[in-house]
Amino acid sequence: MLRRLYLRIAMLVAVIASVHTPSAAQTDPLFTQYFEVPSYYNPASIGLTDFVRFRAVSRLQWVGVSNSPTTFALAADMPLKLFDRRWGVGLVLNQDSYGLFSNLGGNVQLAFKQKMFKGELTAAVQVGISSMTFKGSEVEIEFDDDYHIGQDEAIPTTDISGTAFDIGLGVHYTHRLFWAGVSMLHLNSPSISLGDAVASSGSSDSDLGDDAKNYKIDLKPTLYFMGGSNIPLRNTLFEVMPSVMVASDLGNNTTFELTARARWKKFLTFGVGYRYNDAVSVMASGEYKGFFIAYSYDYPLSDIAKLSSGSHEILAGYSLKLDLGDHNKYKHKSIRIL
């Protein structure tokens, strides 16, 4: 059973990395606690408070399955006051791996802010790089009575890598009653050409012969929508915080996450979530004097549940108060986005 599963994964890799044939891939991981790292999906979700904010998140997906996806991301942002206007700057770094593939990315973000309709509208751009590596030297194809695969030039047998320039745009609106944002990542449809060390040295294909195969992976533009609200419960120390995220490559792949959380005394938060056709989740977090820590567990709803005990996500951060010299109308006691 497992041998057949691994073989099918190897066959999928062969399709994804077809020679000279661009393929499309949505490589952005979907965090269960997306509302804690919104700038990962929307560059306009920066500088929303008077805090310098740091967030680090680690996700272990499908624990128990060999070579299952793992993701680490770091997000930082802060507000600025320049030319009598409010701005935001941010940085996002990510590293994730799945099977023999690994991704490394980095983006810098700049946001412009404008007060509008008793709220604040933010428009932002991010620029960076996306790098991908495939460990072809570790490819192992198993044979059994049902599957017979010979040498296939579509499957690299050496380690190959490539890098591409990446652009994203976003808008975000904050009001005392709600927040919402729309963004488009991989706006320029970056195409990552994977090649080995020899092919990356600048030699021409004619000089390298058959060893100069080009393996391309195209990153599709991906649309994200996020929104949420804080609803204080009268005469209690609780508030309810519903939120949603929708992700779509504007083609065949669209998914959404629904989350319902409750917070007590702006200190402890707990909740549940649902990702369409994928998983249900539980989560909890706490914050104290600028420090923040959170955990979530996903139970898969697909057949992967037969092989995996679920997915785990850990998040930690710190926020430092800034003095911008004026009163921030949308400042909250919470160090997180509301």
C-alpha atoms as a PDB file:
ATOM      1  CA  MET A   1       0.000   0.000   0.000  1.00  0.00           C
ATOM      2  CA  LEU A   2       2.657   2.531   1.050  1.00  0.00           C
ATOM      3  CA  ARG A   3       5.009   1.466  -1.753  1.00  0.00           C
ATOM      4  CA  ARG A   4       2.291   2.217  -4.284  1.00  0.00           C
ATOM      5  CA  LEU A   5       1.655   5.580  -2.640  1.00  0.00           C
ATOM      6  CA  TYR A   6       5.339   6.549  -2.881  1.00  0.00           C
ATOM      7  CA  LEU A   7       5.462   5.400  -6.499  1.00  0.00           C
ATOM      8  CA  ARG A   8       2.486   7.533  -7.401  1.00  0.00           C
ATOM      9  CA  ILE A   9       4.180  10.510  -5.752  1.00  0.00           C
ATOM     10  CA  ALA A  10       7.274   9.879  -7.880  1.00  0.00           C
ATOM     11  CA  MET A  11       5.087   9.721 -10.991  1.00  0.00           C
ATOM     12  CA  LEU A  12       3.476  13.033  -9.990  1.00  0.00           C
ATOM     13  CA  VAL A  13       6.906  14.612  -9.676  1.00  0.00           C
ATOM     14  CA  ALA A  14       7.670  13.435 -13.193  1.00  0.00           C
ATOM     15  CA  VAL A  15       4.583  15.189 -14.498  1.00  0.00           C
ATOM     16  CA  ILE A  16       5.257  18.419 -12.593  1.00  0.00           C
ATOM     17  CA  ALA A  17       8.846  18.636 -13.774  1.00  0.00           C
ATOM     18  CA  SER A  18       8.273  17.829 -17.445  1.00  0.00           C
ATOM     19  CA  VAL A  19      11.138  18.846 -19.731  1.00  0.00           C
ATOM     20  CA  HIS A  20      10.634  22.178 -21.538  1.00  0.00           C
ATOM     21  CA  THR A  21       6.938  22.129 -20.550  1.00  0.00           C
ATOM     22  CA  PRO A  22       5.849  24.871 -18.150  1.00  0.00           C
ATOM     23  CA  SER A  23       3.637  23.631 -15.374  1.00  0.00           C
ATOM     24  CA  ALA A  24       1.631  25.512 -12.791  1.00  0.00           C
ATOM     25  CA  ALA A  25       1.876  25.125  -9.047  1.00  0.00           C
ATOM     26  CA  GLN A  26       0.317  26.866  -6.062  1.00  0.00           C
ATOM     27  CA  THR A  27       3.135  26.792  -3.544  1.00  0.00           C
ATOM     28  CA  ASP A  28       1.765  29.068  -0.827  1.00  0.00           C
ATOM     29  CA  PRO A  29       1.041  27.029   2.315  1.00  0.00           C
ATOM     30  CA  LEU A  30      -2.275  27.646   4.022  1.00  0.00           C
ATOM     31  CA  PHE A  31      -1.807  28.373   7.704  1.00  0.00           C
ATOM     32  CA  THR A  32      -4.627  27.478  10.059  1.00  0.00           C
ATOM     33  CA  GLN A  33      -3.821  30.667  12.014  1.00  0.00           C
ATOM     34  CA  TYR A  34      -3.748  32.887   8.921  1.00  0.00           C
ATOM     35  CA  PHE A  35      -5.198  35.767  10.961  1.00  0.00           C
ATOM     36  CA  GLU A  36      -1.986  35.893  13.034  1.00  0.00           C
ATOM     37  CA  VAL A  37       0.305  36.275   9.993  1.00  0.00           C
ATOM     38  CA  PRO A  38      -1.936  38.225   7.563  1.00  0.00           C
ATOM     39  CA  SER A  39       1.035  39.931   5.877  1.00  0.00           C
ATOM     40  CA  TYR A  40       2.093  36.509   4.578  1.00  0.00           C
ATOM     41  CA  TYR A  41      -0.923  36.654   2.265  1.00  0.00           C
ATOM     42  CA  ASN A  42      -1.551  40.397   1.974  1.00  0.00           C
ATOM     43  CA  PRO A  43       1.269  42.981   1.961  1.00  0.00           C
ATOM     44  CA  ALA A  44      -1.269  45.656   2.934  1.00  0.00           C
ATOM     45  CA  SER A  45      -1.700  44.010   6.355  1.00  0.00           C
ATOM     46  CA  ILE A  46       1.296  45.880   7.754  1.00  0.00           C
ATOM     47  CA  GLY A  47       1.623  48.911  10.014  1.00  0.00           C
ATOM     48  CA  LEU A  48      -1.943  48.554  11.252  1.00  0.00           C
ATOM     49  CA  THR A  49      -1.044  49.329  14.868  1.00  0.00           C
ATOM     50  CA  ASP A  50       1.577  51.403  16.705  1.00  0.00           C
ATOM     51  CA  PHE A  51       3.699  48.301  17.296  1.00  0.00           C
ATOM     52  CA  VAL A  52       6.749  46.725  15.725  1.00  0.00           C
ATOM     53  CA  ARG A  53       5.488  43.170  15.380  1.00  0.00           C
ATOM     54  CA  PHE A  54       7.382  39.923  14.921  1.00  0.00           C
ATOM     55  CA  ARG A  55       5.719  36.578  14.183  1.00  0.00           C
ATOM     56  CA  ALA A  56       7.356  33.191  13.576  1.00  0.00           C
ATOM     57  CA  VAL A  57       5.240  30.192  12.584  1.00  0.00           C
ATOM     58  CA  SER A  58       6.139  26.541  12.074  1.00  0.00           C
ATOM     59  CA  ARG A  59       3.727  24.068  10.485  1.00  0.00           C
ATOM     60  CA  LEU A  60       4.159  20.282  10.460  1.00  0.00           C
ATOM     61  CA  GLN A  61       1.619  18.804   8.090  1.00  0.00           C
ATOM     62  CA  TRP A  62       0.375  15.201   8.010  1.00  0.00           C
ATOM     63  CA  VAL A  63       2.566  13.964  10.840  1.00  0.00           C
ATOM     64  CA  GLY A  64       3.333  10.280  10.343  1.00  0.00           C
ATOM     65  CA  VAL A  65       3.654  10.458   6.553  1.00  0.00           C
ATOM     66  CA  SER A  66       7.213  10.256   5.241  1.00  0.00           C
ATOM     67  CA  ASN A  67       8.455  13.471   3.581  1.00  0.00           C
ATOM     68  CA  SER A  68       5.254  15.304   4.466  1.00  0.00           C
ATOM     69  CA  PRO A  69       5.152  19.104   4.013  1.00  0.00           C
ATOM     70  CA  THR A  70       6.851  21.332   6.587  1.00  0.00           C
ATOM     71  CA  THR A  71       6.771  25.116   6.606  1.00  0.00           C
ATOM     72  CA  PHE A  72       8.520  27.881   8.515  1.00  0.00           C
ATOM     73  CA  ALA A  73       7.757  31.573   8.057  1.00  0.00           C
ATOM     74  CA  LEU A  74       8.856  34.810   9.676  1.00  0.00           C
ATOM     75  CA  ALA A  75       6.884  38.058   9.362  1.00  0.00           C
ATOM     76  CA  ALA A  76       7.794  41.482  10.717  1.00  0.00           C
ATOM     77  CA  ASP A  77       6.197  44.889  10.196  1.00  0.00           C
ATOM     78  CA  MET A  78       6.043  48.367  11.648  1.00  0.00           C
ATOM     79  CA  PRO A  79       4.347  51.724  10.997  1.00  0.00           C
ATOM     80  CA  LEU A  80       6.158  54.870   9.855  1.00  0.00           C
ATOM     81  CA  LYS A  81       5.243  58.528   9.778  1.00  0.00           C
ATOM     82  CA  LEU A  82       6.774  60.236   6.758  1.00  0.00           C
ATOM     83  CA  PHE A  83       5.773  63.418   4.894  1.00  0.00           C
ATOM     84  CA  ASP A  84       2.926  63.861   7.399  1.00  0.00           C
ATOM     85  CA  ARG A  85       1.439  60.561   6.305  1.00  0.00           C
ATOM     86  CA  ARG A  86       1.274  57.124   7.813  1.00  0.00           C
ATOM     87  CA  TRP A  87       3.137  54.289   6.068  1.00  0.00           C
ATOM     88  CA  GLY A  88       3.937  50.676   6.789  1.00  0.00           C
ATOM     89  CA  VAL A  89       6.989  48.558   6.041  1.00  0.00           C
ATOM     90  CA  GLY A  90       7.275  44.802   6.343  1.00  0.00           C
ATOM     91  CA  LEU A  91       9.395  41.742   5.699  1.00  0.00           C
ATOM     92  CA  VAL A  92       8.298  38.158   5.054  1.00  0.00           C
ATOM     93  CA  LEU A  93      10.624  35.139   4.844  1.00  0.00           C
ATOM     94  CA  ASN A  94       9.516  31.566   4.228  1.00  0.00           C
ATOM     95  CA  GLN A  95      10.992  28.111   3.846  1.00  0.00           C
ATOM     96  CA  ASP A  96       8.957  25.004   3.134  1.00  0.00           C
ATOM     97  CA  SER A  97       9.571  21.506   1.848  1.00  0.00           C
ATOM     98  CA  TYR A  98       7.411  18.682   0.527  1.00  0.00           C
ATOM     99  CA  GLY A  99       8.884  15.438  -0.669  1.00  0.00           C
ATOM    100  CA  LEU A 100      12.006  16.175  -2.707  1.00  0.00           C
ATOM    101  CA  PHE A 101      10.966  19.786  -3.329  1.00  0.00           C
ATOM    102  CA  SER A 102      11.930  22.761  -1.145  1.00  0.00           C
ATOM    103  CA  ASN A 103      11.076  26.442  -1.477  1.00  0.00           C
ATOM    104  CA  LEU A 104      12.791  29.526  -0.118  1.00  0.00           C
ATOM    105  CA  GLY A 105      11.337  32.996  -0.473  1.00  0.00           C
ATOM    106  CA  GLY A 106      11.769  36.533   0.770  1.00  0.00           C
ATOM    107  CA  ASN A 107       9.719  39.697   0.246  1.00  0.00           C
ATOM    108  CA  VAL A 108       9.932  43.327   1.335  1.00  0.00           C
ATOM    109  CA  GLN A 109       6.688  45.277   1.671  1.00  0.00           C
ATOM    110  CA  LEU A 110       5.735  48.958   1.519  1.00  0.00           C
ATOM    111  CA  ALA A 111       2.260  50.280   2.324  1.00  0.00           C
ATOM    112  CA  PHE A 112       0.588  53.670   1.920  1.00  0.00           C
ATOM    113  CA  LYS A 113      -2.295  54.586   4.238  1.00  0.00           C
ATOM    114  CA  GLN A 114      -5.269  56.914   3.895  1.00  0.00           C
ATOM    115  CA  LYS A 115      -8.111  57.588   6.331  1.00  0.00           C
ATOM    116  CA  MET A 116     -11.454  56.829   4.716  1.00  0.00           C
ATOM    117  CA  PHE A 117     -15.062  56.408   5.914  1.00  0.00           C
ATOM    118  CA  LYS A 118     -14.141  56.432   9.604  1.00  0.00           C
ATOM    119  CA  GLY A 119     -11.507  53.796   8.961  1.00  0.00           C
ATOM    120  CA  GLU A 120      -8.116  53.419   7.339  1.00  0.00           C
ATOM    121  CA  LEU A 121      -7.421  52.153   3.828  1.00  0.00           C
ATOM    122  CA  THR A 122      -4.013  50.637   3.087  1.00  0.00           C
ATOM    123  CA  ALA A 123      -2.555  49.894  -0.342  1.00  0.00           C
ATOM    124  CA  ALA A 124       0.733  48.021  -0.609  1.00  0.00           C
ATOM    125  CA  VAL A 125       3.230  46.355  -2.895  1.00  0.00           C
ATOM    126  CA  GLN A 126       5.752  43.632  -2.175  1.00  0.00           C
ATOM    127  CA  VAL A 127       8.757  42.549  -4.210  1.00  0.00           C
ATOM    128  CA  GLY A 128      11.041  39.606  -3.629  1.00  0.00           C
ATOM    129  CA  ILE A 129      12.324  36.300  -4.902  1.00  0.00           C
ATOM    130  CA  SER A 130      11.065  32.724  -4.989  1.00  0.00           C
ATOM    131  CA  SER A 131      13.631  29.950  -5.088  1.00  0.00           C
ATOM    132  CA  MET A 132      12.927  26.248  -5.617  1.00  0.00           C
ATOM    133  CA  THR A 133      15.133  23.160  -5.302  1.00  0.00           C
ATOM    134  CA  PHE A 134      14.494  19.557  -6.330  1.00  0.00           C
ATOM    135  CA  LYS A 135      16.721  16.825  -4.860  1.00  0.00           C
ATOM    136  CA  GLY A 136      17.002  14.631  -7.924  1.00  0.00           C
ATOM    137  CA  SER A 137      19.952  12.789  -6.421  1.00  0.00           C
ATOM    138  CA  GLU A 138      17.568  11.249  -3.883  1.00  0.00           C
ATOM    139  CA  VAL A 139      15.014   9.948  -6.403  1.00  0.00           C
ATOM    140  CA  GLU A 140      14.215   6.282  -5.775  1.00  0.00           C
ATOM    141  CA  ILE A 141      11.606   4.457  -7.847  1.00  0.00           C
ATOM    142  CA  GLU A 142      10.363   1.121  -6.572  1.00  0.00           C
ATOM    143  CA  PHE A 143       9.106  -1.681  -8.793  1.00  0.00           C
ATOM    144  CA  ASP A 144       6.355  -4.206  -8.139  1.00  0.00           C
ATOM    145  CA  ASP A 145       4.075  -6.421 -10.158  1.00  0.00           C
ATOM    146  CA  ASP A 146       1.676  -3.595 -10.998  1.00  0.00           C
ATOM    147  CA  TYR A 147       4.038  -0.754 -11.921  1.00  0.00           C
ATOM    148  CA  HIS A 148       7.043  -0.814 -14.219  1.00  0.00           C
ATOM    149  CA  ILE A 149       8.883   2.446 -14.864  1.00  0.00           C
ATOM    150  CA  GLY A 150      12.136   2.613 -16.743  1.00  0.00           C
ATOM    151  CA  GLN A 151      14.513   5.532 -17.147  1.00  0.00           C
ATOM    152  CA  ASP A 152      12.518   8.684 -17.852  1.00  0.00           C
ATOM    153  CA  GLU A 153      14.244  11.919 -18.787  1.00  0.00           C
ATOM    154  CA  ALA A 154      11.295  13.810 -17.270  1.00  0.00           C
ATOM    155  CA  ILE A 155      12.614  12.861 -13.811  1.00  0.00           C
ATOM    156  CA  PRO A 156      15.829  14.710 -12.821  1.00  0.00           C
ATOM    157  CA  THR A 157      18.551  12.531 -11.338  1.00  0.00           C
ATOM    158  CA  THR A 158      20.676  15.423 -10.021  1.00  0.00           C
ATOM    159  CA  ASP A 159      19.919  18.247  -7.607  1.00  0.00           C
ATOM    160  CA  ILE A 160      18.481  21.200  -9.521  1.00  0.00           C
ATOM    161  CA  SER A 161      17.386  24.669  -8.424  1.00  0.00           C
ATOM    162  CA  GLY A 162      16.245  28.021  -9.751  1.00  0.00           C
ATOM    163  CA  THR A 163      15.119  31.493  -8.692  1.00  0.00           C
ATOM    164  CA  ALA A 164      12.584  33.988 -10.036  1.00  0.00           C
ATOM    165  CA  PHE A 165      11.523  37.567  -9.300  1.00  0.00           C
ATOM    166  CA  ASP A 166       8.131  37.781  -7.548  1.00  0.00           C
ATOM    167  CA  ILE A 167       5.631  40.634  -7.152  1.00  0.00           C
ATOM    168  CA  GLY A 168       2.477  41.013  -5.056  1.00  0.00           C
ATOM    169  CA  LEU A 169      -0.151  43.718  -4.462  1.00  0.00           C
ATOM    170  CA  GLY A 170      -2.803  44.194  -1.805  1.00  0.00           C
ATOM    171  CA  VAL A 171      -5.373  46.492  -0.216  1.00  0.00           C
ATOM    172  CA  HIS A 172      -6.660  46.369   3.346  1.00  0.00           C
ATOM    173  CA  TYR A 173      -9.347  48.285   5.206  1.00  0.00           C
ATOM    174  CA  THR A 174      -9.524  48.613   8.982  1.00  0.00           C
ATOM    175  CA  HIS A 175     -12.593  49.874  10.843  1.00  0.00           C
ATOM    176  CA  ARG A 176     -13.426  49.691  14.520  1.00  0.00           C
ATOM    177  CA  LEU A 177     -16.127  47.116  13.681  1.00  0.00           C
ATOM    178  CA  PHE A 178     -14.319  44.931  11.130  1.00  0.00           C
ATOM    179  CA  TRP A 179     -11.289  44.427   8.900  1.00  0.00           C
ATOM    180  CA  ALA A 180     -10.984  43.069   5.355  1.00  0.00           C
ATOM    181  CA  GLY A 181      -8.362  42.780   2.641  1.00  0.00           C
ATOM    182  CA  VAL A 182      -7.782  41.537  -0.901  1.00  0.00           C
ATOM    183  CA  SER A 183      -4.417  40.686  -2.428  1.00  0.00           C
ATOM    184  CA  MET A 184      -2.825  39.079  -5.461  1.00  0.00           C
ATOM    185  CA  LEU A 185       0.458  37.229  -5.004  1.00  0.00           C
ATOM    186  CA  HIS A 186       2.741  36.025  -7.825  1.00  0.00           C
ATOM    187  CA  LEU A 187       1.195  38.789  -9.909  1.00  0.00           C
ATOM    188  CA  ASN A 188       3.908  38.512 -12.580  1.00  0.00           C
ATOM    189  CA  SER A 189       3.448  34.721 -12.960  1.00  0.00           C
ATOM    190  CA  PRO A 190       7.099  33.989 -12.151  1.00  0.00           C
ATOM    191  CA  SER A 191       8.582  31.066 -14.060  1.00  0.00           C
ATOM    192  CA  ILE A 192      11.300  29.193 -12.178  1.00  0.00           C
ATOM    193  CA  SER A 193      13.752  27.420 -14.472  1.00  0.00           C
ATOM    194  CA  LEU A 194      15.429  24.596 -12.609  1.00  0.00           C
ATOM    195  CA  GLY A 195      18.932  23.534 -13.607  1.00  0.00           C
ATOM    196  CA  ASP A 196      21.933  21.749 -12.100  1.00  0.00           C
ATOM    197  CA  ALA A 197      25.200  23.425 -11.151  1.00  0.00           C
ATOM    198  CA  VAL A 198      26.657  22.942 -14.628  1.00  0.00           C
ATOM    199  CA  ALA A 199      23.627  24.364 -16.388  1.00  0.00           C
ATOM    200  CA  SER A 200      23.620  27.326 -13.997  1.00  0.00           C
ATOM    201  CA  SER A 201      27.187  28.284 -14.870  1.00  0.00           C
ATOM    202  CA  GLY A 202      26.145  30.136 -18.003  1.00  0.00           C
ATOM    203  CA  SER A 203      27.083  27.554 -20.624  1.00  0.00           C
ATOM    204  CA  SER A 204      24.857  27.197 -23.640  1.00  0.00           C
ATOM    205  CA  ASP A 205      22.607  24.192 -24.237  1.00  0.00           C
ATOM    206  CA  SER A 206      24.678  23.207 -27.262  1.00  0.00           C
ATOM    207  CA  ASP A 207      27.810  23.044 -25.104  1.00  0.00           C
ATOM    208  CA  LEU A 208      26.125  20.911 -22.452  1.00  0.00           C
ATOM    209  CA  GLY A 209      24.300  18.453 -24.692  1.00  0.00           C
ATOM    210  CA  ASP A 210      21.654  16.239 -23.109  1.00  0.00           C
ATOM    211  CA  ASP A 211      22.676  17.291 -19.588  1.00  0.00           C
ATOM    212  CA  ALA A 212      21.269  20.776 -20.147  1.00  0.00           C
ATOM    213  CA  LYS A 213      17.611  19.895 -19.655  1.00  0.00           C
ATOM    214  CA  ASN A 214      15.314  22.711 -18.546  1.00  0.00           C
ATOM    215  CA  TYR A 215      12.715  21.981 -15.893  1.00  0.00           C
ATOM    216  CA  LYS A 216      10.228  24.787 -15.423  1.00  0.00           C
ATOM    217  CA  ILE A 217       7.635  25.471 -12.767  1.00  0.00           C
ATOM    218  CA  ASP A 218       5.285  28.420 -13.145  1.00  0.00           C
ATOM    219  CA  LEU A 219       3.744  30.056 -10.072  1.00  0.00           C
ATOM    220  CA  LYS A 220       0.185  31.040 -10.822  1.00  0.00           C
ATOM    221  CA  PRO A 221      -1.158  34.401  -9.663  1.00  0.00           C
ATOM    222  CA  THR A 222      -3.138  33.667  -6.508  1.00  0.00           C
ATOM    223  CA  LEU A 223      -5.993  35.783  -5.162  1.00  0.00           C
ATOM    224  CA  TYR A 224      -6.595  36.016  -1.414  1.00  0.00           C
ATOM    225  CA  PHE A 225      -9.455  37.519   0.536  1.00  0.00           C
ATOM    226  CA  MET A 226      -9.398  37.812   4.322  1.00  0.00           C
ATOM    227  CA  GLY A 227     -11.876  39.410   6.646  1.00  0.00           C
ATOM    228  CA  GLY A 228     -13.015  39.366  10.229  1.00  0.00           C
ATOM    229  CA  SER A 229     -14.561  41.208  13.135  1.00  0.00           C
ATOM    230  CA  ASN A 230     -14.501  41.605  16.912  1.00  0.00           C
ATOM    231  CA  ILE A 231     -17.870  41.346  18.638  1.00  0.00           C
ATOM    232  CA  PRO A 232     -17.793  42.188  22.375  1.00  0.00           C
ATOM    233  CA  LEU A 233     -20.327  40.284  24.450  1.00  0.00           C
ATOM    234  CA  ARG A 234     -22.120  42.763  26.685  1.00  0.00           C
ATOM    235  CA  ASN A 235     -21.629  42.455  30.420  1.00  0.00           C
ATOM    236  CA  THR A 236     -18.917  39.832  29.977  1.00  0.00           C
ATOM    237  CA  LEU A 237     -15.145  39.745  29.623  1.00  0.00           C
ATOM    238  CA  PHE A 238     -15.444  37.840  26.346  1.00  0.00           C
ATOM    239  CA  GLU A 239     -15.429  38.873  22.703  1.00  0.00           C
ATOM    240  CA  VAL A 240     -16.170  36.735  19.652  1.00  0.00           C
ATOM    241  CA  MET A 241     -13.835  36.954  16.644  1.00  0.00           C
ATOM    242  CA  PRO A 242     -15.109  35.295  13.448  1.00  0.00           C
ATOM    243  CA  SER A 243     -12.869  35.386  10.355  1.00  0.00           C
ATOM    244  CA  VAL A 244     -12.550  33.890   6.876  1.00  0.00           C
ATOM    245  CA  MET A 245      -9.889  33.433   4.225  1.00  0.00           C
ATOM    246  CA  VAL A 246     -10.485  32.520   0.573  1.00  0.00           C
ATOM    247  CA  ALA A 247      -7.629  31.495  -1.749  1.00  0.00           C
ATOM    248  CA  SER A 248      -7.947  30.988  -5.498  1.00  0.00           C
ATOM    249  CA  ASP A 249      -5.583  30.650  -8.446  1.00  0.00           C
ATOM    250  CA  LEU A 250      -8.490  31.869 -10.632  1.00  0.00           C
ATOM    251  CA  GLY A 251      -8.532  28.463 -12.285  1.00  0.00           C
ATOM    252  CA  ASN A 252      -9.387  25.048 -10.906  1.00  0.00           C
ATOM    253  CA  ASN A 253      -8.111  25.568  -7.364  1.00  0.00           C
ATOM    254  CA  THR A 254     -10.218  27.521  -4.880  1.00  0.00           C
ATOM    255  CA  THR A 255     -10.504  26.881  -1.167  1.00  0.00           C
ATOM    256  CA  PHE A 256     -11.613  28.689   1.972  1.00  0.00           C
ATOM    257  CA  GLU A 257     -11.157  28.608   5.728  1.00  0.00           C
ATOM    258  CA  LEU A 258     -13.737  29.564   8.343  1.00  0.00           C
ATOM    259  CA  THR A 259     -12.673  30.349  11.900  1.00  0.00           C
ATOM    260  CA  ALA A 260     -14.603  31.155  15.081  1.00  0.00           C
ATOM    261  CA  ARG A 261     -12.641  32.311  18.132  1.00  0.00           C
ATOM    262  CA  ALA A 262     -13.437  33.746  21.539  1.00  0.00           C
ATOM    263  CA  ARG A 263     -11.074  35.876  23.619  1.00  0.00           C
ATOM    264  CA  TRP A 264     -11.141  36.373  27.362  1.00  0.00           C
ATOM    265  CA  LYS A 265      -9.833  39.621  28.914  1.00  0.00           C
ATOM    266  CA  LYS A 266      -7.658  40.182  25.814  1.00  0.00           C
ATOM    267  CA  PHE A 267      -5.383  37.527  27.266  1.00  0.00           C
ATOM    268  CA  LEU A 268      -6.497  34.002  26.335  1.00  0.00           C
ATOM    269  CA  THR A 269      -8.034  33.020  22.985  1.00  0.00           C
ATOM    270  CA  PHE A 270      -9.478  29.701  21.869  1.00  0.00           C
ATOM    271  CA  GLY A 271     -11.424  28.604  18.810  1.00  0.00           C
ATOM    272  CA  VAL A 272     -12.257  26.145  16.059  1.00  0.00           C
ATOM    273  CA  GLY A 273     -11.809  26.207  12.295  1.00  0.00           C
ATOM    274  CA  TYR A 274     -12.752  24.435   9.071  1.00  0.00           C
ATOM    275  CA  ARG A 275     -10.819  24.249   5.805  1.00  0.00           C
ATOM    276  CA  TYR A 276     -12.964  23.215   2.846  1.00  0.00           C
ATOM    277  CA  ASN A 277     -12.657  19.507   2.055  1.00  0.00           C
ATOM    278  CA  ASP A 278      -9.419  19.307   4.013  1.00  0.00           C
ATOM    279  CA  ALA A 279      -9.471  19.565   7.798  1.00  0.00           C
ATOM    280  CA  VAL A 280     -11.132  20.712  11.000  1.00  0.00           C
ATOM    281  CA  SER A 281      -9.015  22.434  13.624  1.00  0.00           C
ATOM    282  CA  VAL A 282      -8.827  23.567  17.224  1.00  0.00           C
ATOM    283  CA  MET A 283      -6.595  26.398  18.431  1.00  0.00           C
ATOM    284  CA  ALA A 284      -5.540  28.342  21.498  1.00  0.00           C
ATOM    285  CA  SER A 285      -3.287  31.333  22.155  1.00  0.00           C
ATOM    286  CA  GLY A 286      -2.143  33.674  24.879  1.00  0.00           C
ATOM    287  CA  GLU A 287      -0.506  37.088  25.043  1.00  0.00           C
ATOM    288  CA  TYR A 288       1.165  38.923  27.877  1.00  0.00           C
ATOM    289  CA  LYS A 289       3.217  42.132  27.928  1.00  0.00           C
ATOM    290  CA  GLY A 290       3.998  41.993  24.226  1.00  0.00           C
ATOM    291  CA  PHE A 291       4.771  38.273  24.106  1.00  0.00           C
ATOM    292  CA  PHE A 292       2.530  35.966  22.124  1.00  0.00           C
ATOM    293  CA  ILE A 293       2.296  32.195  21.661  1.00  0.00           C
ATOM    294  CA  ALA A 294      -0.290  30.059  19.855  1.00  0.00           C
ATOM    295  CA  TYR A 295      -0.944  26.467  18.841  1.00  0.00           C
ATOM    296  CA  SER A 296      -3.377  24.756  16.494  1.00  0.00           C
ATOM    297  CA  TYR A 297      -4.118  21.150  15.573  1.00  0.00           C
ATOM    298  CA  ASP A 298      -5.729  20.014  12.311  1.00  0.00           C
ATOM    299  CA  TYR A 299      -7.518  16.699  11.881  1.00  0.00           C
ATOM    300  CA  PRO A 300      -7.677  15.734   8.192  1.00  0.00           C
ATOM    301  CA  LEU A 301     -11.013  14.967   6.554  1.00  0.00           C
ATOM    302  CA  SER A 302      -9.516  13.232   3.506  1.00  0.00           C
ATOM    303  CA  ASP A 303      -8.119   9.711   3.115  1.00  0.00           C
ATOM    304  CA  ILE A 304      -4.759  10.969   4.398  1.00  0.00           C
ATOM    305  CA  ALA A 305      -6.257  10.450   7.872  1.00  0.00           C
ATOM    306  CA  LYS A 306      -5.543   6.721   7.402  1.00  0.00           C
ATOM    307  CA  LEU A 307      -1.810   7.476   7.364  1.00  0.00           C
ATOM    308  CA  SER A 308      -1.462  10.647   9.437  1.00  0.00           C
ATOM    309  CA  SER A 309      -2.310  11.660  12.989  1.00  0.00           C
ATOM    310  CA  GLY A 310      -2.932  15.251  11.844  1.00  0.00           C
ATOM    311  CA  SER A 311      -1.089  18.562  11.446  1.00  0.00           C
ATOM    312  CA  HIS A 312       0.449  20.846  14.057  1.00  0.00           C
ATOM    313  CA  GLU A 313       1.127  24.580  13.936  1.00  0.00           C
ATOM    314  CA  ILE A 314       3.080  26.616  16.490  1.00  0.00           C
ATOM    315  CA  LEU A 315       3.313  30.386  16.450  1.00  0.00           C
ATOM    316  CA  ALA A 316       5.323  32.782  18.614  1.00  0.00           C
ATOM    317  CA  GLY A 317       5.914  36.517  18.519  1.00  0.00           C
ATOM    318  CA  TYR A 318       6.675  39.775  20.225  1.00  0.00           C
ATOM    319  CA  SER A 319       5.396  43.341  19.809  1.00  0.00           C
ATOM    320  CA  LEU A 320       7.173  46.553  20.789  1.00  0.00           C
ATOM    321  CA  LYS A 321       5.260  49.822  21.212  1.00  0.00           C
ATOM    322  CA  LEU A 322       6.327  52.797  19.101  1.00  0.00           C
ATOM    323  CA  ASP A 323       5.745  56.488  19.726  1.00  0.00           C
ATOM    324  CA  LEU A 324       4.768  58.053  16.408  1.00  0.00           C
ATOM    325  CA  GLY A 325       4.150  61.443  17.961  1.00  0.00           C
ATOM    326  CA  ASP A 326       0.415  61.486  17.386  1.00  0.00           C
ATOM    327  CA  HIS A 327      -2.693  59.681  18.529  1.00  0.00           C
ATOM    328  CA  ASN A 328      -3.562  56.562  16.547  1.00  0.00           C
ATOM    329  CA  LYS A 329      -7.300  56.467  16.255  1.00  0.00           C
ATOM    330  CA  TYR A 330      -7.265  52.764  15.389  1.00  0.00           C
ATOM    331  CA  LYS A 331      -4.873  51.657  18.128  1.00  0.00           C
ATOM    332  CA  HIS A 332      -6.047  48.629  20.084  1.00  0.00           C
ATOM    333  CA  LYS A 333      -4.960  47.260  23.400  1.00  0.00           C
ATOM    334  CA  SER A 334      -4.455  43.937  21.672  1.00  0.00           C
ATOM    335  CA  ILE A 335      -1.075  43.483  19.975  1.00  0.00           C
ATOM    336  CA  ARG A 336      -2.774  41.602  17.160  1.00  0.00           C
ATOM    337  CA  ILE A 337      -4.871  42.677  14.208  1.00  0.00           C
ATOM    338  CA  LEU A 338      -8.526  42.928  15.075  1.00  0.00           C
END
